[in-house]
Amino acid sequence: MTTTESNDVLIEQRGPVLWLTINREERRNAMSHNVLALLAQAITQAQGNRDIRAIVLTGAGTKAFCAGADLQSSKAFTTDYSDPHGHLAQVLRVAKASTVPLIARVNGACMAGGMGLMAMCDMAVASSHAIFGLPEVKVGVFPAQVLAVLQHLIPRRVLVEMCITGEPITSAQALEYGLVNHVADDVDAKLQWLLDRLLDKSPAAIRRGLYTLKKAEAMSFEEAMAFTESQIALFTLTEDAKEGQKAFQEKRKPVWVGH
């Protein structure tokens, strides 16, 4: 296990899993520009490390996953109006491009921009006491960037109500709406359950599979069919595909090489 503490974010590699913990418990793990920059950097660097099989994103403590932008800052939403690429947008971009699975460990309140961080992940496991909300209208703004990752994740009517009333939902509602994969009293046990079912699968299939899934999402049916027809041929050329089929024929567990 290797650990790097970078002020606002705790970066820790536990075996094949990279843990990114927003480390601002006294501010309910609110996002600073430094937090966002560190998250974007860590996710980007993980793409080139074949030893990292999954990334877990969470917040310090038990009260909050992330409360959103730090409204105590005079520049909570931007640092430079001439820069077309905001820090939150950059994190969402690198997450969208990630071929390493991202899992949100929602250990408490997940609000505003925190909803964007949770939604950008490929999967999410939440504590039973977690709550989810988009309260931006209460301070005169709107969850604009968050819509890019939320709009296709939960029913539109639910999203509209959350956006224009600012009222939160429970973890049970989040599960019902498909916002999270699992809810449990023991969030770490459920997270480990999910990781165990991911880490024993082919690294090559997951890496190329996430790439395929994310690219096809934005395509029309015909475009997606043409793209995936070529991708399936590439899957079969990997060493993992050859090993997987051989292990199946020999009735044994595969030994993945990851390429």
Foldseek 3Di string as FASTA:
>chain_A
DDWDDDPQWTWDDDFQEIEIERECVVQLSEDDLVSLVVLLVVQVVVQPPLRHQAYEQAYPDQAHRYAYFRPVDPPRFADDPVDPQGSLNSNLVSLLQGLRAYEYLTRHEQEQSSLLVHLSGPAYEYEQHHKYAYQVVVVPDWSVSSCVRCVPQFDPVVVVCRGVVRDIDGPVVCCVRRSHVYYYNPSVVVVVVVVVVRVLDALQCSSLVSNLVSVLVPDDPVVNVVVVVVSVVVVCPDPRNVQVVVCVVVVHRGDYPRD
